[in-house]
Amino acid sequence: MSSKFLFEQQKYDPKILSHREELGERLIGNLMVNFMLPKDIPLVKEVVFKKDGFDIPGVHLLCYSSVVRNKSGAYEAREVGSDAIRVIGLYMSERQGGLLPLVRSDSRINRVGTIPSIIERTLACIHAVSLVCEDPAKCPNCGAPLFISKAGREVCSEICWTRRNNV
């Protein structure tokens, strides 16, 4: 039986180096096939992927892959099994001068099950977040994308209500 077949059937185990390497390589390959490019983010050790090209300027999708480069330069998933893959949609606000969350994935993508099932859940999550990034909720007053505040409320990304109050 080939090792590829075993990876299709076996449950992923983060303690096994070959499992981490296989997941890392397959995940990176699938993200790149889906038009995502690696992005260097200072102080972040894992490989983060970014997708641009949405209709609204300043909208980006990031995938925190939980994949790192090992000493030989190959990709492998982190050894910590509880470390999850995360996907988020962001908007660069001109007025606030920073990135604001448009949408977070509903859940963390835990690295449990088979390698194909982990990749499938990751791609499904990316697709769901992409749909929101393509057509985010918009402020009824100024048309800017709404972002999700720390309190969980949708808020105008260009904080237009302060301009109305100052006029």
Protein backbone atom coordinates (compact mmCIF):
# COMPACT_ATOMS: atom_id res chain seq x y z
CA MET A 1 0.00 0.00 0.00
CA SER A 2 1.41 3.42 -0.93
CA SER A 3 1.98 6.09 1.68
CA LYS A 4 -0.36 8.44 -0.26
CA PHE A 5 -3.20 5.96 0.26
CA LEU A 6 -2.42 5.75 3.97
CA PHE A 7 -2.60 9.54 4.32
CA GLU A 8 -6.04 9.46 2.69
CA GLN A 9 -7.30 6.95 5.27
CA GLN A 10 -5.34 7.59 8.50
CA LYS A 11 -6.34 10.11 11.09
CA TYR A 12 -3.92 13.02 11.25
CA ASP A 13 -1.53 12.82 14.20
CA PRO A 14 0.51 15.99 14.91
CA LYS A 15 3.11 13.94 16.79
CA ILE A 16 4.11 12.12 13.57
CA LEU A 17 6.52 14.17 11.43
CA SER A 18 5.40 12.62 8.13
CA HIS A 19 1.78 13.57 8.91
CA ARG A 20 2.78 17.18 9.66
CA GLU A 21 4.86 17.38 6.49
CA GLU A 22 2.11 15.88 4.33
CA LEU A 23 -0.53 18.24 5.75
CA GLY A 24 1.78 21.24 5.38
CA GLU A 25 2.67 20.49 1.76
CA ARG A 26 -0.89 19.65 0.72
CA LEU A 27 -2.42 22.65 2.48
CA ILE A 28 0.11 25.07 0.97
CA GLY A 29 -0.44 23.55 -2.49
CA ASN A 30 -4.22 23.83 -2.21
CA LEU A 31 -4.06 27.44 -1.01
CA MET A 32 -1.79 28.42 -3.90
CA VAL A 33 -4.07 26.67 -6.43
CA ASN A 34 -6.91 28.81 -5.02
CA PHE A 35 -5.09 32.05 -5.91
CA MET A 36 -3.76 32.74 -2.45
CA LEU A 37 -0.19 33.97 -2.04
CA PRO A 38 2.11 33.76 0.99
CA LYS A 39 2.40 37.04 2.90
CA ASP A 40 5.13 37.92 5.36
CA ILE A 41 3.71 39.30 8.58
CA PRO A 42 6.25 40.48 11.17
CA LEU A 43 6.42 38.37 14.33
CA VAL A 44 4.17 35.66 12.85
CA LYS A 45 6.00 32.35 12.47
CA GLU A 46 3.32 30.47 10.56
CA VAL A 47 2.80 30.88 6.83
CA VAL A 48 -0.06 33.33 6.25
CA PHE A 49 -1.81 33.38 2.90
CA LYS A 50 -3.50 36.43 1.42
CA LYS A 51 -6.10 36.74 -1.31
CA ASP A 52 -6.81 40.08 -2.97
CA GLY A 53 -8.73 41.04 -6.07
CA PHE A 54 -12.14 41.63 -4.57
CA ASP A 55 -14.39 44.29 -6.16
CA ILE A 56 -14.03 46.64 -3.20
CA PRO A 57 -10.52 48.14 -2.89
CA GLY A 58 -8.88 47.41 0.45
CA VAL A 59 -10.66 44.08 1.03
CA HIS A 60 -8.37 41.12 1.75
CA LEU A 61 -8.76 37.53 2.90
CA LEU A 62 -6.10 36.02 5.17
CA CYS A 63 -5.60 32.37 6.08
CA TYR A 64 -3.40 31.64 9.09
CA SER A 65 -2.33 28.17 8.01
CA SER A 66 -0.62 26.80 11.15
CA VAL A 67 2.11 25.68 8.74
CA VAL A 68 5.75 26.62 9.32
CA ARG A 69 9.01 25.99 7.49
CA ASN A 70 11.20 23.39 9.18
CA LYS A 71 15.01 23.55 9.38
CA SER A 72 15.39 21.98 5.94
CA GLY A 73 13.03 24.58 4.42
CA ALA A 74 10.14 22.17 3.84
CA TYR A 75 6.61 23.02 4.93
CA GLU A 76 5.09 21.20 7.88
CA ALA A 77 2.10 21.78 10.13
CA ARG A 78 2.93 22.90 13.64
CA GLU A 79 3.53 20.17 16.15
CA VAL A 80 0.99 21.61 18.58
CA GLY A 81 -2.17 19.67 17.79
CA SER A 82 -4.49 22.23 19.35
CA ASP A 83 -3.25 24.98 16.99
CA ALA A 84 -6.08 25.66 14.52
CA ILE A 85 -6.21 27.09 11.02
CA ARG A 86 -8.02 30.44 10.94
CA VAL A 87 -9.55 32.48 8.10
CA ILE A 88 -10.51 36.16 8.24
CA GLY A 89 -11.74 38.85 5.85
CA LEU A 90 -10.25 42.32 6.38
CA TYR A 91 -10.83 45.86 5.13
CA MET A 92 -8.19 48.61 5.05
CA SER A 93 -10.00 51.67 6.33
CA GLU A 94 -8.80 54.94 4.82
CA ARG A 95 -10.24 57.01 7.64
CA GLN A 96 -9.12 54.80 10.51
CA GLY A 97 -5.81 53.95 8.84
CA GLY A 98 -5.80 50.28 9.71
CA LEU A 99 -7.17 46.85 9.00
CA LEU A 100 -10.63 46.04 10.34
CA PRO A 101 -12.28 42.60 10.42
CA LEU A 102 -15.11 42.24 7.89
CA VAL A 103 -15.78 38.61 8.68
CA ARG A 104 -14.20 35.87 10.73
CA SER A 105 -14.69 32.25 9.95
CA ASP A 106 -17.47 30.79 12.08
CA SER A 107 -15.08 28.40 13.71
CA ARG A 108 -11.49 27.45 13.94
CA ILE A 109 -10.49 24.70 11.56
CA ASN A 110 -9.09 22.12 13.92
CA ARG A 111 -6.51 19.73 12.55
CA VAL A 112 -8.45 16.56 13.35
CA GLY A 113 -9.60 13.75 11.08
CA THR A 114 -7.87 12.78 7.86
CA ILE A 115 -5.59 15.14 5.94
CA PRO A 116 -8.08 15.42 3.03
CA SER A 117 -10.90 16.31 5.46
CA ILE A 118 -8.79 19.05 7.09
CA ILE A 119 -8.02 20.56 3.68
CA GLU A 120 -11.66 20.25 2.60
CA ARG A 121 -12.89 22.11 5.71
CA THR A 122 -10.23 24.80 5.20
CA LEU A 123 -11.22 25.39 1.58
CA ALA A 124 -14.93 25.47 2.50
CA CYS A 125 -14.21 28.10 5.14
CA ILE A 126 -12.14 30.16 2.68
CA HIS A 127 -15.00 29.97 0.19
CA ALA A 128 -17.53 31.18 2.80
CA VAL A 129 -15.32 34.10 3.85
CA SER A 130 -14.61 34.93 0.17
CA LEU A 131 -18.34 35.29 -0.49
CA VAL A 132 -18.60 37.92 2.25
CA CYS A 133 -15.44 39.69 1.00
CA GLU A 134 -16.90 39.83 -2.52
CA ASP A 135 -20.08 41.50 -1.29
CA PRO A 136 -19.74 42.72 2.31
CA ALA A 137 -22.57 44.36 4.21
CA LYS A 138 -22.48 48.10 3.55
CA CYS A 139 -23.26 51.12 5.66
CA PRO A 140 -26.72 52.47 4.74
CA ASN A 141 -25.45 56.04 5.15
CA CYS A 142 -22.16 56.12 3.22
CA GLY A 143 -21.85 52.72 1.51
CA ALA A 144 -18.54 51.76 3.16
CA PRO A 145 -18.15 48.14 4.25
CA LEU A 146 -19.32 47.29 7.76
CA PHE A 147 -16.83 45.63 10.08
CA ILE A 148 -17.43 43.57 13.19
CA SER A 149 -16.62 45.45 16.40
CA LYS A 150 -15.12 43.83 19.51
CA ALA A 151 -18.65 43.80 20.91
CA GLY A 152 -19.78 41.78 17.88
CA ARG A 153 -21.77 44.59 16.25
CA GLU A 154 -21.56 45.68 12.62
CA VAL A 155 -20.03 49.16 12.44
CA CYS A 156 -19.25 51.49 9.53
CA SER A 157 -15.56 51.06 8.64
CA GLU A 158 -15.25 54.73 7.74
CA ILE A 159 -17.00 55.85 10.97
CA CYS A 160 -19.34 58.12 8.99
CA TRP A 161 -21.56 58.83 12.01
CA THR A 162 -18.84 61.10 13.44
CA ARG A 163 -18.86 63.22 10.27
CA ARG A 164 -22.66 63.59 10.46
CA ASN A 165 -22.39 64.73 14.08
CA ASN A 166 -19.64 67.25 13.26
CA VAL A 167 -21.45 68.85 10.29
